[in-house]
Amino acid sequence: TDVGMVIDHILENTPANFVRAAADMNNDGDVDVTDVGLIIDLILSDEGAAGAKMRISNTETDALDPQ
């Protein structure tokens, strides 16, 4: 779902609950295909969701979709 939301954003169909700060995985100020790759790498890594929570610990959410 998170990957799909980022792809939708890249294709200019941004979901209402999209969190740009969480999607910018490399913190370069852009949300692009590089971020999609990094999200996929995180999902497939041993860290999984725990890594995602650590990465955006300065926000209110632990996922791209705050729901």
PDB file of N, CA and C in Angstrom:
ATOM      1  N   THR A   1       0.827  -1.186   0.000  1.00  0.00           N
ATOM      2  CA  THR A   1       0.000   0.000   0.000  1.00  0.00           C
ATOM      3  C   THR A   1       0.873   1.252   0.000  1.00  0.00           C
ATOM      4  N   ASP A   2       1.925   1.256   0.820  1.00  0.00           N
ATOM      5  CA  ASP A   2       2.802   2.423   0.891  1.00  0.00           C
ATOM      6  C   ASP A   2       3.469   2.693  -0.448  1.00  0.00           C
ATOM      7  N   VAL A   3       3.952   1.635  -1.091  1.00  0.00           N
ATOM      8  CA  VAL A   3       4.593   1.798  -2.403  1.00  0.00           C
ATOM      9  C   VAL A   3       3.586   2.357  -3.399  1.00  0.00           C
ATOM     10  N   GLY A   4       2.382   1.842  -3.386  1.00  0.00           N
ATOM     11  CA  GLY A   4       1.340   2.317  -4.294  1.00  0.00           C
ATOM     12  C   GLY A   4       1.019   3.786  -4.075  1.00  0.00           C
ATOM     13  N   MET A   5       1.004   4.207  -2.816  1.00  0.00           N
ATOM     14  CA  MET A   5       0.723   5.614  -2.516  1.00  0.00           C
ATOM     15  C   MET A   5       1.817   6.527  -3.059  1.00  0.00           C
ATOM     16  N   VAL A   6       3.069   6.097  -2.925  1.00  0.00           N
ATOM     17  CA  VAL A   6       4.177   6.911  -3.438  1.00  0.00           C
ATOM     18  C   VAL A   6       4.124   6.970  -4.960  1.00  0.00           C
ATOM     19  N   ILE A   7       3.850   5.845  -5.586  1.00  0.00           N
ATOM     20  CA  ILE A   7       3.737   5.828  -7.047  1.00  0.00           C
ATOM     21  C   ILE A   7       2.590   6.729  -7.498  1.00  0.00           C
ATOM     22  N   ASP A   8       1.452   6.654  -6.812  1.00  0.00           N
ATOM     23  CA  ASP A   8       0.337   7.549  -7.141  1.00  0.00           C
ATOM     24  C   ASP A   8       0.770   9.008  -7.028  1.00  0.00           C
ATOM     25  N   HIS A   9       1.514   9.337  -5.986  1.00  0.00           N
ATOM     26  CA  HIS A   9       1.994  10.710  -5.807  1.00  0.00           C
ATOM     27  C   HIS A   9       2.915  11.115  -6.962  1.00  0.00           C
ATOM     28  N   ILE A  10       3.828  10.239  -7.338  1.00  0.00           N
ATOM     29  CA  ILE A  10       4.748  10.524  -8.444  1.00  0.00           C
ATOM     30  C   ILE A  10       3.969  10.774  -9.736  1.00  0.00           C
ATOM     31  N   LEU A  11       2.890  10.038  -9.921  1.00  0.00           N
ATOM     32  CA  LEU A  11       2.058  10.174 -11.123  1.00  0.00           C
ATOM     33  C   LEU A  11       1.033  11.299 -10.984  1.00  0.00           C
ATOM     34  N   GLU A  12       1.218  12.135  -9.978  1.00  0.00           N
ATOM     35  CA  GLU A  12       0.383  13.316  -9.730  1.00  0.00           C
ATOM     36  C   GLU A  12      -1.066  12.980  -9.400  1.00  0.00           C
ATOM     37  N   ASN A  13      -1.256  11.878  -8.705  1.00  0.00           N
ATOM     38  CA  ASN A  13      -2.564  11.470  -8.209  1.00  0.00           C
ATOM     39  C   ASN A  13      -2.424  11.211  -6.703  1.00  0.00           C
ATOM     40  N   THR A  14      -1.977  12.240  -5.979  1.00  0.00           N
ATOM     41  CA  THR A  14      -1.624  12.109  -4.573  1.00  0.00           C
ATOM     42  C   THR A  14      -2.837  11.765  -3.709  1.00  0.00           C
ATOM     43  N   PRO A  15      -2.748  10.660  -2.950  1.00  0.00           N
ATOM     44  CA  PRO A  15      -3.827  10.304  -2.032  1.00  0.00           C
ATOM     45  C   PRO A  15      -3.994  11.370  -0.946  1.00  0.00           C
ATOM     46  N   ALA A  16      -5.190  11.523  -0.450  1.00  0.00           N
ATOM     47  CA  ALA A  16      -5.484  12.545   0.562  1.00  0.00           C
ATOM     48  C   ALA A  16      -4.674  12.330   1.839  1.00  0.00           C
ATOM     49  N   ASN A  17      -4.382  11.086   2.186  1.00  0.00           N
ATOM     50  CA  ASN A  17      -3.677  10.796   3.436  1.00  0.00           C
ATOM     51  C   ASN A  17      -2.181  10.549   3.228  1.00  0.00           C
ATOM     52  N   PHE A  18      -1.637  11.033   2.125  1.00  0.00           N
ATOM     53  CA  PHE A  18      -0.220  10.887   1.803  1.00  0.00           C
ATOM     54  C   PHE A  18       0.626  11.742   2.747  1.00  0.00           C
ATOM     55  N   VAL A  19       1.708  11.175   3.276  1.00  0.00           N
ATOM     56  CA  VAL A  19       2.610  11.887   4.185  1.00  0.00           C
ATOM     57  C   VAL A  19       3.956  12.044   3.485  1.00  0.00           C
ATOM     58  N   ARG A  20       4.189  13.228   2.926  1.00  0.00           N
ATOM     59  CA  ARG A  20       5.388  13.482   2.128  1.00  0.00           C
ATOM     60  C   ARG A  20       6.682  13.221   2.913  1.00  0.00           C
ATOM     61  N   ALA A  21       6.740  13.659   4.162  1.00  0.00           N
ATOM     62  CA  ALA A  21       7.950  13.483   4.969  1.00  0.00           C
ATOM     63  C   ALA A  21       8.304  12.011   5.140  1.00  0.00           C
ATOM     64  N   ALA A  22       7.313  11.165   5.246  1.00  0.00           N
ATOM     65  CA  ALA A  22       7.561   9.732   5.386  1.00  0.00           C
ATOM     66  C   ALA A  22       7.967   9.106   4.064  1.00  0.00           C
ATOM     67  N   ALA A  23       7.466   9.636   2.967  1.00  0.00           N
ATOM     68  CA  ALA A  23       7.755   9.073   1.648  1.00  0.00           C
ATOM     69  C   ALA A  23       9.146   9.442   1.143  1.00  0.00           C
ATOM     70  N   ASP A  24       9.690  10.561   1.610  1.00  0.00           N
ATOM     71  CA  ASP A  24      11.016  11.012   1.167  1.00  0.00           C
ATOM     72  C   ASP A  24      12.080  10.249   1.936  1.00  0.00           C
ATOM     73  N   MET A  25      12.293   9.009   1.554  1.00  0.00           N
ATOM     74  CA  MET A  25      13.158   8.088   2.289  1.00  0.00           C
ATOM     75  C   MET A  25      14.613   8.538   2.370  1.00  0.00           C
ATOM     76  N   ASN A  26      15.110   9.224   1.356  1.00  0.00           N
ATOM     77  CA  ASN A  26      16.516   9.649   1.367  1.00  0.00           C
ATOM     78  C   ASN A  26      16.670  11.113   1.768  1.00  0.00           C
ATOM     79  N   ASN A  27      15.585  11.727   2.175  1.00  0.00           N
ATOM     80  CA  ASN A  27      15.588  13.112   2.674  1.00  0.00           C
ATOM     81  C   ASN A  27      16.254  14.093   1.724  1.00  0.00           C
ATOM     82  N   ASP A  28      15.989  13.947   0.419  1.00  0.00           N
ATOM     83  CA  ASP A  28      16.570  14.876  -0.556  1.00  0.00           C
ATOM     84  C   ASP A  28      15.583  15.971  -0.974  1.00  0.00           C
ATOM     85  N   GLY A  29      14.401  15.970  -0.376  1.00  0.00           N
ATOM     86  CA  GLY A  29      13.404  16.978  -0.691  1.00  0.00           C
ATOM     87  C   GLY A  29      12.494  16.613  -1.843  1.00  0.00           C
ATOM     88  N   ASP A  30      12.787  15.524  -2.534  1.00  0.00           N
ATOM     89  CA  ASP A  30      11.964  15.044  -3.646  1.00  0.00           C
ATOM     90  C   ASP A  30      11.410  13.668  -3.312  1.00  0.00           C
ATOM     91  N   VAL A  31      10.200  13.402  -3.761  1.00  0.00           N
ATOM     92  CA  VAL A  31       9.633  12.055  -3.671  1.00  0.00           C
ATOM     93  C   VAL A  31       9.626  11.511  -5.082  1.00  0.00           C
ATOM     94  N   ASP A  32      10.463  10.498  -5.320  1.00  0.00           N
ATOM     95  CA  ASP A  32      10.620   9.969  -6.664  1.00  0.00           C
ATOM     96  C   ASP A  32      10.863   8.462  -6.628  1.00  0.00           C
ATOM     97  N   VAL A  33      11.207   7.914  -7.792  1.00  0.00           N
ATOM     98  CA  VAL A  33      11.378   6.465  -7.914  1.00  0.00           C
ATOM     99  C   VAL A  33      12.494   5.944  -7.003  1.00  0.00           C
ATOM    100  N   THR A  34      13.460   6.765  -6.675  1.00  0.00           N
ATOM    101  CA  THR A  34      14.504   6.344  -5.734  1.00  0.00           C
ATOM    102  C   THR A  34      13.887   6.016  -4.385  1.00  0.00           C
ATOM    103  N   ASP A  35      12.949   6.835  -3.953  1.00  0.00           N
ATOM    104  CA  ASP A  35      12.270   6.586  -2.680  1.00  0.00           C
ATOM    105  C   ASP A  35      11.455   5.296  -2.736  1.00  0.00           C
ATOM    106  N   VAL A  36      10.833   5.031  -3.883  1.00  0.00           N
ATOM    107  CA  VAL A  36      10.085   3.774  -4.052  1.00  0.00           C
ATOM    108  C   VAL A  36      11.031   2.592  -3.838  1.00  0.00           C
ATOM    109  N   GLY A  37      12.194   2.642  -4.469  1.00  0.00           N
ATOM    110  CA  GLY A  37      13.180   1.569  -4.310  1.00  0.00           C
ATOM    111  C   GLY A  37      13.617   1.406  -2.871  1.00  0.00           C
ATOM    112  N   LEU A  38      13.819   2.501  -2.172  1.00  0.00           N
ATOM    113  CA  LEU A  38      14.238   2.436  -0.774  1.00  0.00           C
ATOM    114  C   LEU A  38      13.136   1.871   0.119  1.00  0.00           C
ATOM    115  N   ILE A  39      11.885   2.192  -0.190  1.00  0.00           N
ATOM    116  CA  ILE A  39      10.772   1.623   0.581  1.00  0.00           C
ATOM    117  C   ILE A  39      10.718   0.116   0.369  1.00  0.00           C
ATOM    118  N   ILE A  40      10.866  -0.307  -0.877  1.00  0.00           N
ATOM    119  CA  ILE A  40      10.862  -1.744  -1.170  1.00  0.00           C
ATOM    120  C   ILE A  40      12.020  -2.431  -0.461  1.00  0.00           C
ATOM    121  N   ASP A  41      13.208  -1.823  -0.499  1.00  0.00           N
ATOM    122  CA  ASP A  41      14.363  -2.396   0.213  1.00  0.00           C
ATOM    123  C   ASP A  41      14.073  -2.539   1.701  1.00  0.00           C
ATOM    124  N   LEU A  42      13.428  -1.528   2.287  1.00  0.00           N
ATOM    125  CA  LEU A  42      13.102  -1.584   3.710  1.00  0.00           C
ATOM    126  C   LEU A  42      12.097  -2.694   4.002  1.00  0.00           C
ATOM    127  N   ILE A  43      11.093  -2.825   3.157  1.00  0.00           N
ATOM    128  CA  ILE A  43      10.090  -3.875   3.348  1.00  0.00           C
ATOM    129  C   ILE A  43      10.738  -5.254   3.301  1.00  0.00           C
ATOM    130  N   LEU A  44      11.674  -5.427   2.386  1.00  0.00           N
ATOM    131  CA  LEU A  44      12.319  -6.728   2.214  1.00  0.00           C
ATOM    132  C   LEU A  44      13.474  -6.972   3.185  1.00  0.00           C
ATOM    133  N   SER A  45      13.875  -5.954   3.931  1.00  0.00           N
ATOM    134  CA  SER A  45      14.998  -6.097   4.855  1.00  0.00           C
ATOM    135  C   SER A  45      14.562  -6.787   6.142  1.00  0.00           C
ATOM    136  N   ASP A  46      15.546  -7.138   6.940  1.00  0.00           N
ATOM    137  CA  ASP A  46      15.269  -7.748   8.237  1.00  0.00           C
ATOM    138  C   ASP A  46      14.632  -6.751   9.194  1.00  0.00           C
ATOM    139  N   GLU A  47      14.873  -5.450   8.969  1.00  0.00           N
ATOM    140  CA  GLU A  47      14.317  -4.429   9.848  1.00  0.00           C
ATOM    141  C   GLU A  47      12.814  -4.296   9.662  1.00  0.00           C
ATOM    142  N   GLY A  48      12.349  -4.402   8.409  1.00  0.00           N
ATOM    143  CA  GLY A  48      10.927  -4.307   8.106  1.00  0.00           C
ATOM    144  C   GLY A  48      10.274  -3.089   8.721  1.00  0.00           C
ATOM    145  N   ALA A  49       9.125  -3.263   9.330  1.00  0.00           N
ATOM    146  CA  ALA A  49       8.353  -2.157   9.889  1.00  0.00           C
ATOM    147  C   ALA A  49       9.102  -1.452  11.015  1.00  0.00           C
ATOM    148  N   ALA A  50       9.919  -2.169  11.757  1.00  0.00           N
ATOM    149  CA  ALA A  50      10.678  -1.526  12.835  1.00  0.00           C
ATOM    150  C   ALA A  50      11.607  -0.470  12.267  1.00  0.00           C
ATOM    151  N   GLY A  51      12.213  -0.734  11.127  1.00  0.00           N
ATOM    152  CA  GLY A  51      13.081   0.246  10.474  1.00  0.00           C
ATOM    153  C   GLY A  51      12.302   1.456  10.021  1.00  0.00           C
ATOM    154  N   ALA A  52      11.105   1.247   9.542  1.00  0.00           N
ATOM    155  CA  ALA A  52      10.273   2.360   9.097  1.00  0.00           C
ATOM    156  C   ALA A  52       9.904   3.241  10.287  1.00  0.00           C
ATOM    157  N   LYS A  53       9.591   2.629  11.414  1.00  0.00           N
ATOM    158  CA  LYS A  53       9.244   3.410  12.598  1.00  0.00           C
ATOM    159  C   LYS A  53      10.441   4.233  13.060  1.00  0.00           C
ATOM    160  N   MET A  54      11.640   3.650  13.020  1.00  0.00           N
ATOM    161  CA  MET A  54      12.830   4.373  13.431  1.00  0.00           C
ATOM    162  C   MET A  54      13.119   5.528  12.480  1.00  0.00           C
ATOM    163  N   ARG A  55      12.929   5.325  11.193  1.00  0.00           N
ATOM    164  CA  ARG A  55      13.266   6.308  10.193  1.00  0.00           C
ATOM    165  C   ARG A  55      12.435   7.580  10.329  1.00  0.00           C
ATOM    166  N   ILE A  56      11.173   7.451  10.717  1.00  0.00           N
ATOM    167  CA  ILE A  56      10.312   8.625  10.807  1.00  0.00           C
ATOM    168  C   ILE A  56       9.843   8.847  12.244  1.00  0.00           C
ATOM    169  N   SER A  57      10.711   8.555  13.183  1.00  0.00           N
ATOM    170  CA  SER A  57      10.328   8.660  14.584  1.00  0.00           C
ATOM    171  C   SER A  57      10.004  10.093  14.994  1.00  0.00           C
ATOM    172  N   ASN A  58      10.381  11.069  14.186  1.00  0.00           N
ATOM    173  CA  ASN A  58      10.087  12.458  14.514  1.00  0.00           C
ATOM    174  C   ASN A  58       8.709  12.890  14.048  1.00  0.00           C
ATOM    175  N   THR A  59       7.910  11.983  13.508  1.00  0.00           N
ATOM    176  CA  THR A  59       6.571  12.312  13.071  1.00  0.00           C
ATOM    177  C   THR A  59       5.555  11.588  13.936  1.00  0.00           C
ATOM    178  N   GLU A  60       4.292  11.915  13.772  1.00  0.00           N
ATOM    179  CA  GLU A  60       3.211  11.304  14.531  1.00  0.00           C
ATOM    180  C   GLU A  60       2.862   9.910  14.025  1.00  0.00           C
ATOM    181  N   THR A  61       3.349   9.532  12.856  1.00  0.00           N
ATOM    182  CA  THR A  61       2.923   8.292  12.222  1.00  0.00           C
ATOM    183  C   THR A  61       4.068   7.306  12.082  1.00  0.00           C
ATOM    184  N   ASP A  62       3.769   6.031  11.937  1.00  0.00           N
ATOM    185  CA  ASP A  62       4.814   5.037  11.713  1.00  0.00           C
ATOM    186  C   ASP A  62       4.645   4.395  10.333  1.00  0.00           C
ATOM    187  N   ALA A  63       3.922   5.022   9.463  1.00  0.00           N
ATOM    188  CA  ALA A  63       3.724   4.515   8.104  1.00  0.00           C
ATOM    189  C   ALA A  63       3.381   5.662   7.178  1.00  0.00           C
ATOM    190  N   LEU A  64       3.440   5.406   5.884  1.00  0.00           N
ATOM    191  CA  LEU A  64       3.055   6.428   4.926  1.00  0.00           C
ATOM    192  C   LEU A  64       1.570   6.716   5.032  1.00  0.00           C
ATOM    193  N   ASP A  65       0.801   5.712   5.387  1.00  0.00           N
ATOM    194  CA  ASP A  65      -0.638   5.856   5.578  1.00  0.00           C
ATOM    195  C   ASP A  65      -0.910   5.946   7.073  1.00  0.00           C
ATOM    196  N   PRO A  66      -1.247   7.121   7.583  1.00  0.00           N
ATOM    197  CA  PRO A  66      -1.404   7.262   9.034  1.00  0.00           C
ATOM    198  C   PRO A  66      -2.614   6.563   9.605  1.00  0.00           C
ATOM    199  N   GLN A  67      -3.435   5.952   8.796  1.00  0.00           N
ATOM    200  CA  GLN A  67      -4.648   5.281   9.263  1.00  0.00           C
ATOM    201  C   GLN A  67      -4.308   4.013   9.946  1.00  0.00           C
TER     202      GLN A  67
END
